[in-house]
Amino acid sequence: MKKSILITLSFVFVSALFLSGCGNDAVTKKLSVFPFNTATVKYELSGSFVGEETLYIKGDLMSSHKYITQNDQEESTLELSLGSEKYIANLDKMTAIKVKNEGYDNLIKLNKEEQGKQLIRDALGLQATDAIPSPSGTKKIAGQTCDVYVIENVGTACLWGGLVLEKKITILGISNDKTAVSIELDKEISNDRFDLPAGVIVTN
């Protein structure tokens, strides 16, 4: 099995101040919903897709690396959310696409409470006009107490501080589960966690 590359992640929202390409020298924090300045979250992936994911958050910068296997097929991906831009990379093929990060642009227009509600809607797959259901309970995962929400006819999600700590969904018989196994808060994270590896070819 291919050795997992330490995950630089998911879902997403990053600094508006950065140099050309995807390097960054300055970190902003327009996402006031997060109760921390930095976070490193490691997830275990299970179900139809088995593997691991690591999410790094630094201010508004976010990177997520996933390493998964399915039916003896292996895949390593990296998603960088850098302010108004997002990079989605296939590290096996050393290619990436650059897209507009509309989720971040929409979130920074909202206040803290509204940002929290929007992140819940995103996690539950709800539209902006949909009412947010009340949590069905709480659960302690990786040392944090998260609110459990039912995703109708699909599964559940457990959220803490705007972050998904657990999500268990099944669609058309395909299960896709992830659970946080460790969380480190407010510890230094190197800026290179938010860069694409050398040699990755980027297309728009």
Protein backbone atom coordinates (compact mmCIF):
# COMPACT_ATOMS: atom_id res chain seq x y z
CA MET A 1 0.00 0.00 0.00
CA LYS A 2 1.23 3.43 -0.92
CA LYS A 3 2.49 5.46 2.03
CA SER A 4 0.00 8.13 3.02
CA ILE A 5 1.04 11.72 2.43
CA LEU A 6 0.39 13.90 5.47
CA ILE A 7 -2.89 15.62 4.80
CA THR A 8 -3.04 19.24 4.01
CA LEU A 9 -7.22 19.56 3.66
CA SER A 10 -11.12 20.12 3.34
CA PHE A 11 -14.21 22.18 3.11
CA VAL A 12 -12.91 25.35 1.80
CA PHE A 13 -12.20 28.66 3.33
CA VAL A 14 -8.87 30.50 3.22
CA SER A 15 -6.92 33.73 3.35
CA ALA A 16 -7.66 36.58 0.99
CA LEU A 17 -4.02 37.73 1.15
CA PHE A 18 -1.60 35.52 -0.74
CA LEU A 19 0.98 35.71 -3.50
CA SER A 20 0.39 34.56 -7.06
CA GLY A 21 0.07 30.81 -7.53
CA CYS A 22 -0.86 29.27 -4.23
CA GLY A 23 1.94 30.46 -1.96
CA ASN A 24 0.97 32.68 0.99
CA ASP A 25 2.83 35.01 3.30
CA ALA A 26 -0.07 36.60 5.21
CA VAL A 27 -2.95 35.03 7.09
CA THR A 28 -6.32 36.66 7.60
CA LYS A 29 -9.20 35.59 9.83
CA LYS A 30 -12.49 36.67 8.34
CA LEU A 31 -14.18 33.45 9.40
CA SER A 32 -15.07 34.39 12.95
CA VAL A 33 -17.13 31.24 13.49
CA PHE A 34 -14.13 29.04 14.30
CA PRO A 35 -13.27 29.05 18.06
CA PHE A 36 -9.53 28.79 17.35
CA ASN A 37 -6.77 30.35 15.24
CA THR A 38 -5.25 27.08 14.04
CA ALA A 39 -6.45 23.49 14.02
CA THR A 40 -5.13 20.15 12.82
CA VAL A 41 -7.81 17.46 12.59
CA LYS A 42 -7.05 13.87 11.64
CA TYR A 43 -9.90 11.68 10.42
CA GLU A 44 -10.37 7.98 9.87
CA LEU A 45 -12.31 7.16 6.70
CA SER A 46 -14.39 3.99 6.54
CA GLY A 47 -17.27 2.37 4.69
CA SER A 48 -17.00 1.93 0.93
CA PHE A 49 -13.90 4.15 0.98
CA VAL A 50 -11.19 3.33 3.52
CA GLY A 51 -8.32 5.61 4.42
CA GLU A 52 -7.40 8.78 6.28
CA GLU A 53 -7.72 12.52 5.99
CA THR A 54 -5.93 15.41 7.65
CA LEU A 55 -7.37 18.91 7.77
CA TYR A 56 -5.24 21.97 8.51
CA ILE A 57 -6.80 25.34 9.30
CA LYS A 58 -4.75 28.50 9.84
CA GLY A 59 -6.80 31.66 10.04
CA ASP A 60 -8.89 31.45 6.89
CA LEU A 61 -6.47 29.09 5.14
CA MET A 62 -7.60 25.50 4.85
CA SER A 63 -6.03 22.41 3.32
CA SER A 64 -7.17 18.83 3.24
CA HIS A 65 -5.33 15.73 2.12
CA LYS A 66 -7.13 12.41 1.67
CA TYR A 67 -5.63 9.02 1.07
CA ILE A 68 -8.25 6.38 0.24
CA THR A 69 -8.50 2.86 -1.09
CA GLN A 70 -11.45 1.19 -2.77
CA ASN A 71 -11.42 -2.26 -4.36
CA ASP A 72 -7.60 -2.29 -4.28
CA GLN A 73 -7.50 1.11 -6.00
CA GLU A 74 -5.56 3.85 -4.21
CA GLU A 75 -6.01 7.60 -4.50
CA SER A 76 -4.28 10.57 -2.90
CA THR A 77 -5.94 13.98 -3.22
CA LEU A 78 -5.31 17.47 -1.88
CA GLU A 79 -7.73 20.39 -1.62
CA LEU A 80 -6.47 23.87 -0.80
CA SER A 81 -8.86 26.70 0.04
CA LEU A 82 -6.99 29.97 -0.34
CA GLY A 83 -9.33 32.89 0.04
CA SER A 84 -11.33 33.35 -3.15
CA GLU A 85 -9.44 30.54 -4.90
CA LYS A 86 -9.44 26.81 -4.43
CA TYR A 87 -7.08 24.14 -5.77
CA ILE A 88 -8.20 20.53 -6.16
CA ALA A 89 -5.29 18.20 -6.85
CA ASN A 90 -4.80 14.55 -7.75
CA LEU A 91 -1.40 13.76 -6.24
CA ASP A 92 -1.09 10.46 -8.10
CA LYS A 93 -1.34 12.22 -11.46
CA MET A 94 0.36 15.40 -10.16
CA THR A 95 -2.37 17.57 -11.66
CA ALA A 96 -4.65 20.20 -10.15
CA ILE A 97 -7.50 22.46 -11.18
CA LYS A 98 -7.98 26.00 -9.92
CA VAL A 99 -11.57 27.14 -9.26
CA LYS A 100 -13.36 30.06 -7.65
CA ASN A 101 -13.98 29.45 -3.94
CA GLU A 102 -17.58 30.66 -3.83
CA GLY A 103 -18.21 29.08 -0.42
CA TYR A 104 -15.58 31.30 1.19
CA ASP A 105 -16.72 34.44 -0.66
CA ASN A 106 -20.27 33.89 0.58
CA LEU A 107 -19.26 33.10 4.17
CA ILE A 108 -17.15 36.22 4.76
CA LYS A 109 -20.19 38.39 4.00
CA LEU A 110 -21.95 36.91 7.04
CA ASN A 111 -21.58 37.58 10.76
CA LYS A 112 -20.36 34.92 13.19
CA GLU A 113 -23.82 33.49 13.93
CA GLU A 114 -24.78 33.40 10.26
CA GLN A 115 -21.47 31.73 9.35
CA GLY A 116 -22.19 28.99 11.87
CA LYS A 117 -25.65 28.40 10.44
CA GLN A 118 -24.31 28.27 6.89
CA LEU A 119 -21.67 25.68 7.83
CA ILE A 120 -24.41 23.54 9.37
CA ARG A 121 -26.46 23.86 6.17
CA ASP A 122 -23.43 22.90 4.09
CA ALA A 123 -22.74 19.83 6.23
CA LEU A 124 -26.38 18.72 6.06
CA GLY A 125 -26.80 19.47 2.36
CA LEU A 126 -29.48 22.11 2.98
CA GLN A 127 -30.35 25.10 0.81
CA ALA A 128 -30.00 28.66 2.14
CA THR A 129 -33.77 28.89 2.64
CA ASP A 130 -34.10 25.53 4.43
CA ALA A 131 -34.74 25.53 8.17
CA ILE A 132 -31.96 24.01 10.25
CA PRO A 133 -33.22 21.06 12.32
CA SER A 134 -32.56 20.88 16.05
CA PRO A 135 -29.73 18.53 17.07
CA SER A 136 -30.88 15.05 18.04
CA GLY A 137 -28.27 14.94 20.81
CA THR A 138 -24.57 15.37 21.50
CA LYS A 139 -21.54 13.16 21.21
CA LYS A 140 -17.92 13.39 22.38
CA ILE A 141 -15.41 12.86 19.60
CA ALA A 142 -11.64 13.41 19.82
CA GLY A 143 -12.09 15.28 23.10
CA GLN A 144 -14.76 17.72 21.85
CA THR A 145 -18.53 17.62 22.35
CA CYS A 146 -20.35 17.99 19.03
CA ASP A 147 -24.02 18.34 18.11
CA VAL A 148 -25.55 15.40 16.24
CA TYR A 149 -27.81 16.24 13.30
CA VAL A 150 -29.88 13.83 11.26
CA ILE A 151 -29.47 14.11 7.49
CA GLU A 152 -32.85 12.99 6.24
CA ASN A 153 -32.81 9.58 4.52
CA VAL A 154 -29.00 9.69 4.32
CA GLY A 155 -27.31 9.54 7.71
CA THR A 156 -25.94 11.78 10.46
CA ALA A 157 -23.35 14.50 11.04
CA CYS A 158 -21.76 15.71 14.29
CA LEU A 159 -20.55 19.33 14.28
CA TRP A 160 -18.38 21.33 16.68
CA GLY A 161 -17.32 24.95 16.23
CA GLY A 162 -18.24 24.91 12.55
CA LEU A 163 -16.34 21.68 11.90
CA VAL A 164 -17.62 18.23 11.01
CA LEU A 165 -16.13 15.78 13.52
CA GLU A 166 -18.14 12.82 12.30
CA LYS A 167 -20.26 12.16 9.24
CA LYS A 168 -21.91 8.87 8.34
CA ILE A 169 -23.89 8.77 5.11
CA THR A 170 -25.14 6.07 2.76
CA ILE A 171 -26.42 6.86 -0.75
CA LEU A 172 -27.52 4.16 -3.21
CA GLY A 173 -25.80 1.54 -1.09
CA ILE A 174 -22.46 3.37 -1.01
CA SER A 175 -21.36 4.35 2.50
CA ASN A 176 -18.99 7.22 3.12
CA ASP A 177 -18.04 7.67 6.79
CA LYS A 178 -15.42 9.79 8.51
CA THR A 179 -14.63 10.29 12.19
CA ALA A 180 -12.10 12.64 13.79
CA VAL A 181 -9.52 10.72 15.81
CA SER A 182 -7.41 13.68 17.01
CA ILE A 183 -7.63 17.47 17.19
CA GLU A 184 -4.80 19.91 17.93
CA LEU A 185 -5.75 23.54 18.49
CA ASP A 186 -3.75 26.78 18.34
CA LYS A 187 -0.41 25.16 17.56
CA GLU A 188 1.95 26.49 14.90
CA ILE A 189 1.28 25.23 11.37
CA SER A 190 3.85 25.86 8.65
CA ASN A 191 2.68 27.92 5.66
CA ASP A 192 3.92 25.20 3.30
CA ARG A 193 0.97 23.07 4.40
CA PHE A 194 -1.06 25.36 2.14
CA ASP A 195 1.10 24.98 -0.97
CA LEU A 196 0.82 22.47 -3.80
CA PRO A 197 3.74 20.03 -4.00
CA ALA A 198 6.45 20.95 -6.50
CA GLY A 199 5.75 19.57 -9.95
CA VAL A 200 1.96 19.69 -9.81
CA ILE A 201 0.55 21.04 -13.07
CA VAL A 202 -2.34 23.49 -12.56
CA THR A 203 -5.11 24.18 -15.06
CA ASN A 204 -8.03 26.61 -14.76
